[in-house]
Amino acid sequence: MFEKSYRTALKTTSWRVIATTDTFIISWYITGKLTWAGAIAGIEVFTKMFLYYGHERVWNRVSFGRTAKAET
């Protein structure tokens, strides 16, 4: 059971929207500056998107904890 790469890319994108929004809000709260929060979130969105995508693709090759679907 392997995921197609486009599924991983879609999961990566949807997670990045959620996580970057969280980073933006936390950064804004801590710094009190929208520009700093935007800069932090802007950098973070790209670095973590690539890291997450690679992480998912590696885990897709690991069989630990996977089972075959039972046929009905």
Protein backbone atom coordinates (compact mmCIF):
# COMPACT_ATOMS: atom_id res chain seq x y z
CA MET A 1 0.00 0.00 0.00
CA PHE A 2 1.69 3.14 -1.20
CA GLU A 3 0.34 6.63 -1.56
CA LYS A 4 0.60 8.35 -4.88
CA SER A 5 2.91 11.37 -4.81
CA TYR A 6 0.03 13.74 -5.65
CA ARG A 7 -1.83 12.56 -2.54
CA THR A 8 1.24 13.35 -0.45
CA ALA A 9 1.50 16.77 -2.13
CA LEU A 10 -2.16 17.53 -1.36
CA LYS A 11 -1.76 16.45 2.27
CA THR A 12 1.37 18.58 2.49
CA THR A 13 -0.44 21.64 1.17
CA SER A 14 -3.50 21.29 3.38
CA TRP A 15 -1.35 20.76 6.48
CA ARG A 16 0.83 23.76 5.60
CA VAL A 17 -2.21 26.06 5.48
CA ILE A 18 -3.20 24.98 8.99
CA ALA A 19 0.32 24.99 10.44
CA THR A 20 1.38 28.30 8.86
CA THR A 21 -1.75 30.01 10.13
CA ASP A 22 -0.85 28.74 13.59
CA THR A 23 2.75 29.99 13.22
CA PHE A 24 1.52 33.39 12.03
CA ILE A 25 -0.84 33.80 14.99
CA ILE A 26 1.77 32.70 17.53
CA SER A 27 4.42 34.95 15.96
CA TRP A 28 2.04 37.91 15.97
CA TYR A 29 1.14 37.25 19.61
CA ILE A 30 4.80 37.04 20.68
CA THR A 31 6.19 39.92 18.61
CA GLY A 32 3.11 42.13 18.42
CA LYS A 33 4.08 42.96 14.83
CA LEU A 34 2.19 41.81 11.76
CA THR A 35 5.21 42.32 9.50
CA TRP A 36 7.42 40.08 11.63
CA ALA A 37 4.70 37.47 11.92
CA GLY A 38 4.27 37.53 8.15
CA ALA A 39 8.01 37.18 7.57
CA ILE A 40 8.31 34.28 9.99
CA ALA A 41 5.29 32.50 8.52
CA GLY A 42 6.47 33.22 4.97
CA ILE A 43 9.84 31.58 5.50
CA GLU A 44 8.42 28.71 7.53
CA VAL A 45 5.81 27.77 4.95
CA PHE A 46 8.43 26.82 2.37
CA THR A 47 11.00 25.12 4.58
CA LYS A 48 8.50 22.98 6.40
CA MET A 49 6.54 22.10 3.24
CA PHE A 50 9.62 20.47 1.73
CA LEU A 51 10.54 18.78 5.00
CA TYR A 52 7.02 17.39 5.50
CA TYR A 53 6.78 16.13 1.91
CA GLY A 54 10.09 14.29 2.25
CA HIS A 55 9.08 12.92 5.65
CA GLU A 56 5.81 11.55 4.24
CA ARG A 57 7.54 9.95 1.23
CA VAL A 58 10.08 8.21 3.49
CA TRP A 59 7.35 6.92 5.81
CA ASN A 60 5.41 5.71 2.79
CA ARG A 61 8.23 3.20 2.21
CA VAL A 62 8.19 1.91 5.79
CA SER A 63 5.93 -1.09 6.39
CA PHE A 64 5.94 -0.77 10.19
CA GLY A 65 2.38 -0.55 11.52
CA ARG A 66 0.70 -1.23 8.18
CA THR A 67 -1.68 -4.04 7.44
CA ALA A 68 -3.19 -5.24 4.21
CA LYS A 69 -6.83 -4.36 3.63
CA ALA A 70 -9.19 -7.22 4.35
CA GLU A 71 -11.17 -8.18 1.28
CA THR A 72 -14.91 -8.29 1.76
